[in-house]
Protein backbone atom coordinates (compact mmCIF):
# COMPACT_ATOMS: atom_id res chain seq x y z
CA UNK A 1 181.66 -43.25 120.23
CA UNK A 2 177.97 -43.72 119.08
CA UNK A 3 177.10 -40.98 121.68
CA UNK A 4 179.75 -38.52 120.35
CA UNK A 5 178.67 -39.50 116.78
CA UNK A 6 174.74 -38.64 117.41
CA UNK A 7 175.97 -35.12 119.27
CA UNK A 8 177.77 -33.84 116.17
CA UNK A 9 174.74 -34.85 114.02
CA UNK A 10 172.65 -33.31 115.87
CA UNK A 11 174.62 -29.92 116.20
CA UNK A 12 175.12 -29.99 112.68
CA UNK A 13 171.57 -30.42 111.91
CA UNK A 14 170.76 -27.41 114.27
CA UNK A 15 173.66 -24.87 112.66
CA UNK A 16 172.32 -25.97 108.83
CA UNK A 17 168.40 -25.17 110.24
CA UNK A 18 170.28 -21.75 112.05
CA UNK A 19 171.88 -20.87 108.23
CA UNK A 20 168.97 -21.57 106.55
CA UNK A 21 166.53 -19.55 108.90
CA UNK A 22 169.21 -16.87 108.60
CA UNK A 23 169.48 -17.31 104.33
CA UNK A 24 165.41 -16.87 104.38
CA UNK A 25 165.42 -13.53 106.62
CA UNK A 26 168.22 -11.98 104.00
CA UNK A 27 166.75 -12.95 101.12
CA UNK A 28 162.85 -11.87 102.45
CA UNK A 29 161.40 -9.42 100.79
CA UNK A 30 161.37 -6.41 103.08
CA UNK A 31 159.26 -3.26 103.08
CA UNK A 32 160.12 0.11 102.13
CA UNK A 33 161.21 1.93 105.70
CA UNK A 34 159.26 4.85 103.93
CA UNK A 35 156.38 2.75 103.14
CA UNK A 36 156.21 1.19 106.85
CA UNK A 37 156.59 5.32 108.69
CA UNK A 38 153.46 6.16 105.88
CA UNK A 39 151.22 3.12 107.23
CA UNK A 40 152.42 4.00 110.70
CA UNK A 41 150.76 7.52 110.23
CA UNK A 42 147.58 6.56 108.12
CA UNK A 43 147.06 4.20 111.18
CA UNK A 44 147.13 7.30 113.67
CA UNK A 45 145.15 9.22 111.39
CA UNK A 46 142.36 7.36 111.07
CA UNK A 47 139.10 8.02 113.52
CA UNK A 48 137.79 4.80 115.15
CA UNK A 49 134.52 3.72 113.85
CA UNK A 50 132.05 5.33 116.32
CA UNK A 51 130.85 2.78 118.68
CA UNK A 52 126.81 1.70 117.92
CA UNK A 53 124.58 2.50 120.64
CA UNK A 54 121.09 1.20 121.18
CA UNK A 55 118.13 4.35 120.67
CA UNK A 56 117.03 3.51 123.96
CA UNK A 57 120.79 4.33 125.67
CA UNK A 58 121.37 7.68 127.93
CA UNK A 59 123.97 9.70 126.25
CA UNK A 60 126.88 12.31 127.89
CA UNK A 61 129.25 14.60 126.16
CA UNK A 62 130.25 17.28 123.85
CA UNK A 63 127.60 17.99 121.49
CA UNK A 64 126.95 19.83 118.67
CA UNK A 65 123.60 21.11 116.95
CA UNK A 66 123.26 19.87 113.60
CA UNK A 67 119.74 21.91 113.49
CA UNK A 68 117.06 23.60 116.34
CA UNK A 69 115.59 19.90 117.18
CA UNK A 70 118.56 17.86 116.63
CA UNK A 71 122.41 17.15 118.16
CA UNK A 72 125.00 15.05 117.45
CA UNK A 73 126.53 13.55 120.80
CA UNK A 74 128.85 10.82 121.06
CA UNK A 75 128.12 10.12 116.77
CA UNK A 76 125.04 10.00 117.61
CA UNK A 77 122.27 11.99 115.81
CA UNK A 78 119.71 12.83 118.79
CA UNK A 79 116.19 14.55 117.74
CA UNK A 80 115.07 16.05 120.89
CA UNK A 81 111.64 14.49 121.46
CA UNK A 82 108.34 16.44 120.51
CA UNK A 83 109.51 19.44 118.96
CA UNK A 84 110.23 20.18 115.59
CA UNK A 85 112.55 23.25 114.21
CA UNK A 86 112.92 24.07 110.84
CA UNK A 87 116.18 22.68 109.06
CA UNK A 88 118.78 24.96 108.68
CA UNK A 89 118.72 25.52 105.32
CA UNK A 90 114.91 26.64 105.34
CA UNK A 91 113.67 30.34 104.89
CA UNK A 92 110.82 32.31 106.63
CA UNK A 93 108.89 35.63 106.38
CA UNK A 94 109.79 38.12 108.25
CA UNK A 95 107.35 41.12 109.41
CA UNK A 96 108.12 42.99 106.37
CA UNK A 97 107.12 40.29 103.73
CA UNK A 98 111.38 40.00 104.00
CA UNK A 99 112.85 36.30 103.49
CA UNK A 100 115.50 35.56 106.52
CA UNK A 101 117.38 32.18 107.27
CA UNK A 102 114.80 31.04 110.50
CA UNK A 103 116.51 27.83 110.04
CA UNK A 104 119.74 28.46 110.39
CA UNK A 105 118.77 30.64 113.76
CA UNK A 106 117.31 27.91 115.29
CA UNK A 107 120.07 25.60 115.00
CA UNK A 108 122.17 28.70 116.00
CA UNK A 109 120.54 29.40 119.04
CA UNK A 110 120.50 25.76 120.33
CA UNK A 111 124.53 25.99 119.71
CA UNK A 112 124.32 28.95 121.79
CA UNK A 113 122.09 27.00 124.91
CA UNK A 114 124.57 24.92 124.70
CA UNK A 115 127.82 27.59 124.83
CA UNK A 116 130.48 24.16 124.36
CA UNK A 117 129.39 22.67 127.54
CA UNK A 118 128.27 18.80 128.01
CA UNK A 119 125.12 17.34 127.19
CA UNK A 120 123.41 14.52 129.20
CA UNK A 121 120.12 12.97 126.98
CA UNK A 122 117.73 10.75 128.40
CA UNK A 123 115.86 8.31 125.82
CA UNK A 124 112.00 9.92 126.21
CA UNK A 125 108.76 8.57 123.74
CA UNK A 126 108.14 5.45 122.26
CA UNK A 127 111.47 4.09 120.66
CA UNK A 128 111.25 4.91 116.90
CA UNK A 129 109.98 2.71 114.31
CA UNK A 130 113.32 4.22 112.36
CA UNK A 131 115.85 3.47 115.07
CA UNK A 132 116.48 7.46 115.30
CA UNK A 133 117.78 8.33 119.04
CA UNK A 134 114.83 10.55 120.38
CA UNK A 135 115.05 12.07 123.77
CA UNK A 136 114.83 15.16 126.27
CA UNK A 137 118.29 16.66 126.47
CA UNK A 138 120.19 18.61 129.44
CA UNK A 139 123.11 20.88 129.21
CA UNK A 140 124.93 18.99 132.36
CA UNK A 141 127.87 18.25 134.06
CA UNK A 142 127.18 14.56 134.86
CA UNK A 143 125.04 11.67 132.80
CA UNK A 144 121.36 11.19 133.20
CA UNK A 145 121.37 8.61 135.96
CA UNK A 146 118.37 7.67 138.73
CA UNK A 147 120.17 8.54 141.45
CA UNK A 148 121.36 12.26 140.21
CA UNK A 149 119.01 14.22 139.42
CA UNK A 150 120.33 15.76 136.61
CA UNK A 151 117.52 15.05 133.80
CA UNK A 152 114.62 14.79 136.70
CA UNK A 153 112.45 17.30 135.42
CA UNK A 154 111.71 18.43 131.50
CA UNK A 155 111.71 21.79 132.96
CA UNK A 156 115.80 22.21 132.25
CA UNK A 157 115.86 20.52 129.17
CA UNK A 158 116.85 22.02 125.70
CA UNK A 159 113.92 20.53 124.15
CA UNK A 160 111.97 23.32 126.52
CA UNK A 161 114.10 25.95 126.22
CA UNK A 162 113.87 26.22 122.12
CA UNK A 163 110.14 25.90 122.16
CA UNK A 164 110.15 28.95 125.44
CA UNK A 165 112.20 31.01 123.36
CA UNK A 166 110.35 30.88 120.10
CA UNK A 167 113.19 28.65 117.84
CA UNK A 168 110.90 25.29 117.48
CA UNK A 169 107.59 24.20 117.65
CA UNK A 170 105.66 21.65 120.12
CA UNK A 171 104.60 17.95 117.99
CA UNK A 172 102.52 16.59 120.79
CA UNK A 173 100.79 19.51 123.43
CA UNK A 174 103.96 18.77 125.79
CA UNK A 175 104.71 22.03 125.33
CA UNK A 176 101.94 23.39 123.85
CA UNK A 177 101.56 26.77 126.24
CA UNK A 178 105.03 27.90 126.02
CA UNK A 179 104.83 27.88 122.20
CA UNK A 180 101.63 30.20 122.69
CA UNK A 181 103.36 32.60 124.42
CA UNK A 182 106.63 32.51 122.10
CA UNK A 183 103.46 33.37 119.49
CA UNK A 184 102.15 35.87 121.31
CA UNK A 185 105.10 37.64 122.29
CA UNK A 186 106.00 37.17 118.29
CA UNK A 187 110.00 35.87 119.47
CA UNK A 188 112.04 33.46 117.26
CA UNK A 189 110.33 31.80 114.47
CA UNK A 190 107.16 33.86 115.27
CA UNK A 191 108.59 37.63 114.91
CA UNK A 192 106.87 36.51 110.91
CA UNK A 193 105.08 33.80 109.20
CA UNK A 194 106.60 30.49 109.98
CA UNK A 195 105.41 28.25 107.32
CA UNK A 196 104.95 24.37 108.33
CA UNK A 197 108.23 22.96 108.62
C-alpha cells in the first residue's frame, strides 16, 4: 500500500511538472514569424569579417587593382614592392601640356594585366613598420610556394610589368633599367611630364 502511494505521488508530481512546462511554453512570448524571417535574411546577407593576415603571409586568389601599385587580394591591400604609381585621381601633363588622368590609366593597366585571373603574392623586402602587406605579385593559377616555381623570378611579376610598361616608377633601383627604357620610349606615365607622385 505504501509503495502504491509513493507511485501515485510521483505520478502526480510528474504530471504537475509537465503541466507547468506546457503552461510556460504556451504563456511565453513568441517572436513574430516575420521578425524571425527578417533576422534570417539579414544573417544570410552579412559579410563575414575578413580574416586578419600577417604582413608576411603569402596571398592568393582573385584580385583587383586599387591603384597602379596596390592590389586588394583576400581582403588585404597588397602594396607592390619597390615601385610607386600615382593615385587614381592624379593628373599628369601630356605632350601638349594638356592634363590627363595618369593615375587612373596606371590603375587600369594593372587591372588589364590581371584580366580577371588569380594572383599569387609573396612578401618581399623588410616588413613595413605600418604593418601593410608588401611584396611581389604574379598572375598565377597556384599560390607562391617553394616547390611550385610559380613565383621564383620577379621577371614575371606585376611589379616589373608596371615599370616596363611605363605605369610605375622604380623606388629602390630594383627596376632602374626598365624604367629608363620606358622613359626613353616615352610610354605610359612618361609620354608627357609625370611630376613626383
